Amino acid sequence: MTELDALADATRHYHQTKDDHDKAQEAVAAATVAALKAGHRPTDVVEHSPFTAAYVRRLAREAGIAPARPGPKPTKET
């Protein structure tokens, strides 16, 4: 196998795993929105997802979830 053959194989693998990664990211985004719609705190959702708080807020806005009202927020139940 030449270096170019190895590169072609690696490129095919890259494209295959990219598709899998994109599908997994879509699934995590859907689960993130579902958790927010179910009333889970954004802080808890961020802790359980690979996304940043800013991206979780973006997903929420795109899904039509209103921002939290100003003022004190409920504390995490223990």
PDB file of N, CA and C in Angstrom:
ATOM      1  N   MET A   1       0.852  -1.177   0.000  1.00  0.00           N
ATOM      2  CA  MET A   1       0.000   0.000   0.000  1.00  0.00           C
ATOM      3  C   MET A   1       0.894   1.235   0.000  1.00  0.00           C
ATOM      4  N   THR A   2       0.613   2.136  -0.905  1.00  0.00           N
ATOM      5  CA  THR A   2       1.407   3.358  -0.975  1.00  0.00           C
ATOM      6  C   THR A   2       0.861   4.388  -0.002  1.00  0.00           C
ATOM      7  N   GLU A   3       1.597   5.453   0.147  1.00  0.00           N
ATOM      8  CA  GLU A   3       1.155   6.541   1.014  1.00  0.00           C
ATOM      9  C   GLU A   3      -0.154   7.151   0.513  1.00  0.00           C
ATOM     10  N   LEU A   4      -0.308   7.230  -0.804  1.00  0.00           N
ATOM     11  CA  LEU A   4      -1.543   7.784  -1.359  1.00  0.00           C
ATOM     12  C   LEU A   4      -2.726   6.847  -1.127  1.00  0.00           C
ATOM     13  N   ASP A   5      -2.484   5.540  -1.168  1.00  0.00           N
ATOM     14  CA  ASP A   5      -3.545   4.586  -0.841  1.00  0.00           C
ATOM     15  C   ASP A   5      -3.952   4.744   0.628  1.00  0.00           C
ATOM     16  N   ALA A   6      -2.949   4.885   1.482  1.00  0.00           N
ATOM     17  CA  ALA A   6      -3.223   5.071   2.909  1.00  0.00           C
ATOM     18  C   ALA A   6      -3.998   6.366   3.139  1.00  0.00           C
ATOM     19  N   LEU A   7      -3.619   7.412   2.406  1.00  0.00           N
ATOM     20  CA  LEU A   7      -4.326   8.686   2.517  1.00  0.00           C
ATOM     21  C   LEU A   7      -5.765   8.549   2.041  1.00  0.00           C
ATOM     22  N   ALA A   8      -5.982   7.854   0.955  1.00  0.00           N
ATOM     23  CA  ALA A   8      -7.344   7.640   0.444  1.00  0.00           C
ATOM     24  C   ALA A   8      -8.175   6.860   1.456  1.00  0.00           C
ATOM     25  N   ASP A   9      -7.592   5.832   2.076  1.00  0.00           N
ATOM     26  CA  ASP A   9      -8.301   5.067   3.108  1.00  0.00           C
ATOM     27  C   ASP A   9      -8.638   5.945   4.308  1.00  0.00           C
ATOM     28  N   ALA A  10      -7.667   6.735   4.740  1.00  0.00           N
ATOM     29  CA  ALA A  10      -7.885   7.615   5.887  1.00  0.00           C
ATOM     30  C   ALA A  10      -8.966   8.654   5.571  1.00  0.00           C
ATOM     31  N   THR A  11      -8.981   9.147   4.341  1.00  0.00           N
ATOM     32  CA  THR A  11      -9.990  10.122   3.933  1.00  0.00           C
ATOM     33  C   THR A  11     -11.375   9.502   3.938  1.00  0.00           C
ATOM     34  N   ARG A  12     -11.497   8.277   3.427  1.00  0.00           N
ATOM     35  CA  ARG A  12     -12.793   7.579   3.461  1.00  0.00           C
ATOM     36  C   ARG A  12     -13.261   7.398   4.897  1.00  0.00           C
ATOM     37  N   HIS A  13     -12.353   6.981   5.762  1.00  0.00           N
ATOM     38  CA  HIS A  13     -12.695   6.791   7.174  1.00  0.00           C
ATOM     39  C   HIS A  13     -13.131   8.107   7.804  1.00  0.00           C
ATOM     40  N   TYR A  14     -12.439   9.183   7.482  1.00  0.00           N
ATOM     41  CA  TYR A  14     -12.781  10.508   7.988  1.00  0.00           C
ATOM     42  C   TYR A  14     -14.212  10.870   7.602  1.00  0.00           C
ATOM     43  N   HIS A  15     -14.556  10.678   6.334  1.00  0.00           N
ATOM     44  CA  HIS A  15     -15.899  11.030   5.879  1.00  0.00           C
ATOM     45  C   HIS A  15     -16.962  10.151   6.532  1.00  0.00           C
ATOM     46  N   GLN A  16     -16.664   8.875   6.720  1.00  0.00           N
ATOM     47  CA  GLN A  16     -17.616   7.977   7.375  1.00  0.00           C
ATOM     48  C   GLN A  16     -17.844   8.389   8.821  1.00  0.00           C
ATOM     49  N   THR A  17     -16.803   8.671   9.539  1.00  0.00           N
ATOM     50  CA  THR A  17     -16.957   9.036  10.945  1.00  0.00           C
ATOM     51  C   THR A  17     -17.548  10.431  11.094  1.00  0.00           C
ATOM     52  N   LYS A  18     -17.298  11.315  10.124  1.00  0.00           N
ATOM     53  CA  LYS A  18     -17.900  12.640  10.169  1.00  0.00           C
ATOM     54  C   LYS A  18     -19.417  12.521  10.078  1.00  0.00           C
ATOM     55  N   ASP A  19     -19.897  11.662   9.205  1.00  0.00           N
ATOM     56  CA  ASP A  19     -21.348  11.452   9.101  1.00  0.00           C
ATOM     57  C   ASP A  19     -21.906  10.934  10.419  1.00  0.00           C
ATOM     58  N   ASP A  20     -21.218   9.979  11.030  1.00  0.00           N
ATOM     59  CA  ASP A  20     -21.655   9.449  12.325  1.00  0.00           C
ATOM     60  C   ASP A  20     -21.636  10.538  13.393  1.00  0.00           C
ATOM     61  N   HIS A  21     -20.592  11.353  13.379  1.00  0.00           N
ATOM     62  CA  HIS A  21     -20.473  12.445  14.357  1.00  0.00           C
ATOM     63  C   HIS A  21     -21.614  13.449  14.176  1.00  0.00           C
ATOM     64  N   ASP A  22     -21.898  13.796  12.924  1.00  0.00           N
ATOM     65  CA  ASP A  22     -22.983  14.752  12.659  1.00  0.00           C
ATOM     66  C   ASP A  22     -24.324  14.213  13.148  1.00  0.00           C
ATOM     67  N   LYS A  23     -24.579  12.921  12.924  1.00  0.00           N
ATOM     68  CA  LYS A  23     -25.828  12.308  13.388  1.00  0.00           C
ATOM     69  C   LYS A  23     -25.893  12.301  14.912  1.00  0.00           C
ATOM     70  N   ALA A  24     -24.775  11.994  15.549  1.00  0.00           N
ATOM     71  CA  ALA A  24     -24.737  11.985  17.012  1.00  0.00           C
ATOM     72  C   ALA A  24     -24.953  13.387  17.563  1.00  0.00           C
ATOM     73  N   GLN A  25     -24.379  14.391  16.920  1.00  0.00           N
ATOM     74  CA  GLN A  25     -24.556  15.767  17.375  1.00  0.00           C
ATOM     75  C   GLN A  25     -26.016  16.192  17.252  1.00  0.00           C
ATOM     76  N   GLU A  26     -26.678  15.794  16.163  1.00  0.00           N
ATOM     77  CA  GLU A  26     -28.096  16.106  15.999  1.00  0.00           C
ATOM     78  C   GLU A  26     -28.929  15.437  17.093  1.00  0.00           C
ATOM     79  N   ALA A  27     -28.567  14.203  17.438  1.00  0.00           N
ATOM     80  CA  ALA A  27     -29.293  13.486  18.496  1.00  0.00           C
ATOM     81  C   ALA A  27     -29.099  14.164  19.849  1.00  0.00           C
ATOM     82  N   VAL A  28     -27.876  14.603  20.138  1.00  0.00           N
ATOM     83  CA  VAL A  28     -27.615  15.287  21.406  1.00  0.00           C
ATOM     84  C   VAL A  28     -28.344  16.624  21.442  1.00  0.00           C
ATOM     85  N   ALA A  29     -28.393  17.329  20.322  1.00  0.00           N
ATOM     86  CA  ALA A  29     -29.107  18.608  20.280  1.00  0.00           C
ATOM     87  C   ALA A  29     -30.595  18.394  20.539  1.00  0.00           C
ATOM     88  N   ALA A  30     -31.172  17.355  19.929  1.00  0.00           N
ATOM     89  CA  ALA A  30     -32.594  17.060  20.145  1.00  0.00           C
ATOM     90  C   ALA A  30     -32.854  16.694  21.602  1.00  0.00           C
ATOM     91  N   ALA A  31     -31.968  15.900  22.191  1.00  0.00           N
ATOM     92  CA  ALA A  31     -32.124  15.520  23.595  1.00  0.00           C
ATOM     93  C   ALA A  31     -31.955  16.727  24.510  1.00  0.00           C
ATOM     94  N   THR A  32     -31.083  17.645  24.138  1.00  0.00           N
ATOM     95  CA  THR A  32     -30.879  18.875  24.907  1.00  0.00           C
ATOM     96  C   THR A  32     -32.159  19.703  24.919  1.00  0.00           C
ATOM     97  N   VAL A  33     -32.752  19.886  23.757  1.00  0.00           N
ATOM     98  CA  VAL A  33     -33.997  20.655  23.661  1.00  0.00           C
ATOM     99  C   VAL A  33     -35.107  19.957  24.443  1.00  0.00           C
ATOM    100  N   ALA A  34     -35.182  18.637  24.337  1.00  0.00           N
ATOM    101  CA  ALA A  34     -36.213  17.885  25.069  1.00  0.00           C
ATOM    102  C   ALA A  34     -36.050  18.069  26.575  1.00  0.00           C
ATOM    103  N   ALA A  35     -34.812  18.048  27.062  1.00  0.00           N
ATOM    104  CA  ALA A  35     -34.570  18.234  28.497  1.00  0.00           C
ATOM    105  C   ALA A  35     -34.980  19.635  28.941  1.00  0.00           C
ATOM    106  N   LEU A  36     -34.683  20.633  28.118  1.00  0.00           N
ATOM    107  CA  LEU A  36     -35.075  22.005  28.452  1.00  0.00           C
ATOM    108  C   LEU A  36     -36.597  22.145  28.452  1.00  0.00           C
ATOM    109  N   LYS A  37     -37.252  21.567  27.451  1.00  0.00           N
ATOM    110  CA  LYS A  37     -38.716  21.646  27.379  1.00  0.00           C
ATOM    111  C   LYS A  37     -39.377  20.908  28.532  1.00  0.00           C
ATOM    112  N   ALA A  38     -38.688  19.893  29.064  1.00  0.00           N
ATOM    113  CA  ALA A  38     -39.228  19.145  30.203  1.00  0.00           C
ATOM    114  C   ALA A  38     -39.046  19.906  31.509  1.00  0.00           C
ATOM    115  N   GLY A  39     -38.369  21.057  31.441  1.00  0.00           N
ATOM    116  CA  GLY A  39     -38.228  21.887  32.634  1.00  0.00           C
ATOM    117  C   GLY A  39     -36.922  21.748  33.377  1.00  0.00           C
ATOM    118  N   HIS A  40     -35.981  21.008  32.825  1.00  0.00           N
ATOM    119  CA  HIS A  40     -34.682  20.897  33.491  1.00  0.00           C
ATOM    120  C   HIS A  40     -33.925  22.217  33.373  1.00  0.00           C
ATOM    121  N   ARG A  41     -33.192  22.531  34.422  1.00  0.00           N
ATOM    122  CA  ARG A  41     -32.440  23.789  34.447  1.00  0.00           C
ATOM    123  C   ARG A  41     -31.348  23.769  33.379  1.00  0.00           C
ATOM    124  N   PRO A  42     -31.158  24.880  32.687  1.00  0.00           N
ATOM    125  CA  PRO A  42     -30.092  24.943  31.684  1.00  0.00           C
ATOM    126  C   PRO A  42     -28.725  24.560  32.249  1.00  0.00           C
ATOM    127  N   THR A  43     -28.453  24.931  33.489  1.00  0.00           N
ATOM    128  CA  THR A  43     -27.180  24.577  34.114  1.00  0.00           C
ATOM    129  C   THR A  43     -27.013  23.064  34.175  1.00  0.00           C
ATOM    130  N   ASP A  44     -28.081  22.356  34.538  1.00  0.00           N
ATOM    131  CA  ASP A  44     -28.014  20.896  34.601  1.00  0.00           C
ATOM    132  C   ASP A  44     -27.884  20.295  33.213  1.00  0.00           C
ATOM    133  N   VAL A  45     -28.580  20.875  32.243  1.00  0.00           N
ATOM    134  CA  VAL A  45     -28.496  20.383  30.868  1.00  0.00           C
ATOM    135  C   VAL A  45     -27.064  20.533  30.355  1.00  0.00           C
ATOM    136  N   VAL A  46     -26.452  21.672  30.614  1.00  0.00           N
ATOM    137  CA  VAL A  46     -25.066  21.898  30.174  1.00  0.00           C
ATOM    138  C   VAL A  46     -24.135  20.867  30.805  1.00  0.00           C
ATOM    139  N   GLU A  47     -24.341  20.568  32.090  1.00  0.00           N
ATOM    140  CA  GLU A  47     -23.484  19.600  32.789  1.00  0.00           C
ATOM    141  C   GLU A  47     -23.561  18.210  32.160  1.00  0.00           C
ATOM    142  N   HIS A  48     -24.693  17.880  31.559  1.00  0.00           N
ATOM    143  CA  HIS A  48     -24.898  16.547  31.004  1.00  0.00           C
ATOM    144  C   HIS A  48     -24.715  16.485  29.485  1.00  0.00           C
ATOM    145  N   SER A  49     -24.308  17.581  28.890  1.00  0.00           N
ATOM    146  CA  SER A  49     -24.145  17.602  27.438  1.00  0.00           C
ATOM    147  C   SER A  49     -22.715  18.011  27.081  1.00  0.00           C
ATOM    148  N   PRO A  50     -22.342  17.805  25.822  1.00  0.00           N
ATOM    149  CA  PRO A  50     -21.011  18.247  25.391  1.00  0.00           C
ATOM    150  C   PRO A  50     -20.996  19.710  24.952  1.00  0.00           C
ATOM    151  N   PHE A  51     -22.137  20.397  25.094  1.00  0.00           N
ATOM    152  CA  PHE A  51     -22.278  21.755  24.578  1.00  0.00           C
ATOM    153  C   PHE A  51     -21.975  22.803  25.643  1.00  0.00           C
ATOM    154  N   THR A  52     -21.560  23.968  25.174  1.00  0.00           N
ATOM    155  CA  THR A  52     -21.333  25.100  26.074  1.00  0.00           C
ATOM    156  C   THR A  52     -22.680  25.707  26.462  1.00  0.00           C
ATOM    157  N   ALA A  53     -22.665  26.506  27.499  1.00  0.00           N
ATOM    158  CA  ALA A  53     -23.887  27.187  27.937  1.00  0.00           C
ATOM    159  C   ALA A  53     -24.426  28.078  26.826  1.00  0.00           C
ATOM    160  N   ALA A  54     -23.542  28.757  26.112  1.00  0.00           N
ATOM    161  CA  ALA A  54     -23.981  29.636  25.024  1.00  0.00           C
ATOM    162  C   ALA A  54     -24.681  28.837  23.929  1.00  0.00           C
ATOM    163  N   TYR A  55     -24.162  27.657  23.604  1.00  0.00           N
ATOM    164  CA  TYR A  55     -24.783  26.854  22.550  1.00  0.00           C
ATOM    165  C   TYR A  55     -26.119  26.282  23.020  1.00  0.00           C
ATOM    166  N   VAL A  56     -26.213  25.925  24.287  1.00  0.00           N
ATOM    167  CA  VAL A  56     -27.490  25.440  24.830  1.00  0.00           C
ATOM    168  C   VAL A  56     -28.525  26.564  24.771  1.00  0.00           C
ATOM    169  N   ARG A  57     -28.128  27.787  25.097  1.00  0.00           N
ATOM    170  CA  ARG A  57     -29.047  28.929  24.984  1.00  0.00           C
ATOM    171  C   ARG A  57     -29.499  29.118  23.541  1.00  0.00           C
ATOM    172  N   ARG A  58     -28.564  28.981  22.614  1.00  0.00           N
ATOM    173  CA  ARG A  58     -28.900  29.113  21.195  1.00  0.00           C
ATOM    174  C   ARG A  58     -29.908  28.046  20.767  1.00  0.00           C
ATOM    175  N   LEU A  59     -29.667  26.800  21.160  1.00  0.00           N
ATOM    176  CA  LEU A  59     -30.609  25.727  20.836  1.00  0.00           C
ATOM    177  C   LEU A  59     -31.986  26.029  21.427  1.00  0.00           C
ATOM    178  N   ALA A  60     -31.989  26.535  22.643  1.00  0.00           N
ATOM    179  CA  ALA A  60     -33.260  26.860  23.305  1.00  0.00           C
ATOM    180  C   ALA A  60     -34.004  27.936  22.531  1.00  0.00           C
ATOM    181  N   ARG A  61     -33.323  29.009  22.149  1.00  0.00           N
ATOM    182  CA  ARG A  61     -33.978  30.090  21.419  1.00  0.00           C
ATOM    183  C   ARG A  61     -34.509  29.592  20.079  1.00  0.00           C
ATOM    184  N   GLU A  62     -33.699  28.774  19.379  1.00  0.00           N
ATOM    185  CA  GLU A  62     -34.123  28.242  18.080  1.00  0.00           C
ATOM    186  C   GLU A  62     -35.344  27.335  18.225  1.00  0.00           C
ATOM    187  N   ALA A  63     -35.501  26.722  19.393  1.00  0.00           N
ATOM    188  CA  ALA A  63     -36.644  25.840  19.648  1.00  0.00           C
ATOM    189  C   ALA A  63     -37.838  26.596  20.223  1.00  0.00           C
ATOM    190  N   GLY A  64     -37.691  27.924  20.375  1.00  0.00           N
ATOM    191  CA  GLY A  64     -38.789  28.732  20.879  1.00  0.00           C
ATOM    192  C   GLY A  64     -38.953  28.697  22.384  1.00  0.00           C
ATOM    193  N   ILE A  65     -37.921  28.280  23.097  1.00  0.00           N
ATOM    194  CA  ILE A  65     -37.971  28.252  24.559  1.00  0.00           C
ATOM    195  C   ILE A  65     -37.579  29.633  25.072  1.00  0.00           C
ATOM    196  N   ALA A  66     -38.456  30.232  25.842  1.00  0.00           N
ATOM    197  CA  ALA A  66     -38.220  31.588  26.339  1.00  0.00           C
ATOM    198  C   ALA A  66     -37.103  31.596  27.378  1.00  0.00           C
ATOM    199  N   PRO A  67     -36.342  32.689  27.446  1.00  0.00           N
ATOM    200  CA  PRO A  67     -35.317  32.807  28.482  1.00  0.00           C
ATOM    201  C   PRO A  67     -35.967  32.836  29.865  1.00  0.00           C
ATOM    202  N   ALA A  68     -35.193  32.462  30.848  1.00  0.00           N
ATOM    203  CA  ALA A  68     -35.680  32.515  32.230  1.00  0.00           C
ATOM    204  C   ALA A  68     -35.934  33.967  32.616  1.00  0.00           C
ATOM    205  N   ARG A  69     -36.887  34.149  33.496  1.00  0.00           N
ATOM    206  CA  ARG A  69     -37.185  35.497  33.987  1.00  0.00           C
ATOM    207  C   ARG A  69     -36.008  35.986  34.833  1.00  0.00           C
ATOM    208  N   PRO A  70     -35.803  37.293  34.874  1.00  0.00           N
ATOM    209  CA  PRO A  70     -34.743  37.831  35.743  1.00  0.00           C
ATOM    210  C   PRO A  70     -35.059  37.541  37.210  1.00  0.00           C
ATOM    211  N   GLY A  71     -34.030  37.508  37.984  1.00  0.00           N
ATOM    212  CA  GLY A  71     -34.211  37.309  39.415  1.00  0.00           C
ATOM    213  C   GLY A  71     -33.659  35.982  39.882  1.00  0.00           C
ATOM    214  N   PRO A  72     -33.849  35.688  41.167  1.00  0.00           N
ATOM    215  CA  PRO A  72     -33.297  34.460  41.711  1.00  0.00           C
ATOM    216  C   PRO A  72     -33.896  33.233  41.025  1.00  0.00           C
ATOM    217  N   LYS A  73     -33.056  32.232  40.826  1.00  0.00           N
ATOM    218  CA  LYS A  73     -33.493  30.992  40.203  1.00  0.00           C
ATOM    219  C   LYS A  73     -33.627  29.923  41.267  1.00  0.00           C
ATOM    220  N   PRO A  74     -34.482  28.927  41.018  1.00  0.00           N
ATOM    221  CA  PRO A  74     -34.596  27.838  41.975  1.00  0.00           C
ATOM    222  C   PRO A  74     -33.250  27.114  42.116  1.00  0.00           C
ATOM    223  N   THR A  75     -32.966  26.631  43.291  1.00  0.00           N
ATOM    224  CA  THR A  75     -31.716  25.915  43.500  1.00  0.00           C
ATOM    225  C   THR A  75     -31.884  24.464  43.113  1.00  0.00           C
ATOM    226  N   LYS A  76     -30.773  23.827  42.883  1.00  0.00           N
ATOM    227  CA  LYS A  76     -30.764  22.415  42.483  1.00  0.00           C
ATOM    228  C   LYS A  76     -31.244  21.565  43.669  1.00  0.00           C
ATOM    229  N   GLU A  77     -32.147  20.641  43.353  1.00  0.00           N
ATOM    230  CA  GLU A  77     -32.644  19.741  44.404  1.00  0.00           C
ATOM    231  C   GLU A  77     -31.578  18.714  44.708  1.00  0.00           C
ATOM    232  N   THR A  78     -31.399  18.410  45.994  1.00  0.00           N
ATOM    233  CA  THR A  78     -30.421  17.388  46.376  1.00  0.00           C
ATOM    234  C   THR A  78     -31.088  16.224  47.024  1.00  0.00           C
TER     235      THR A  78
END
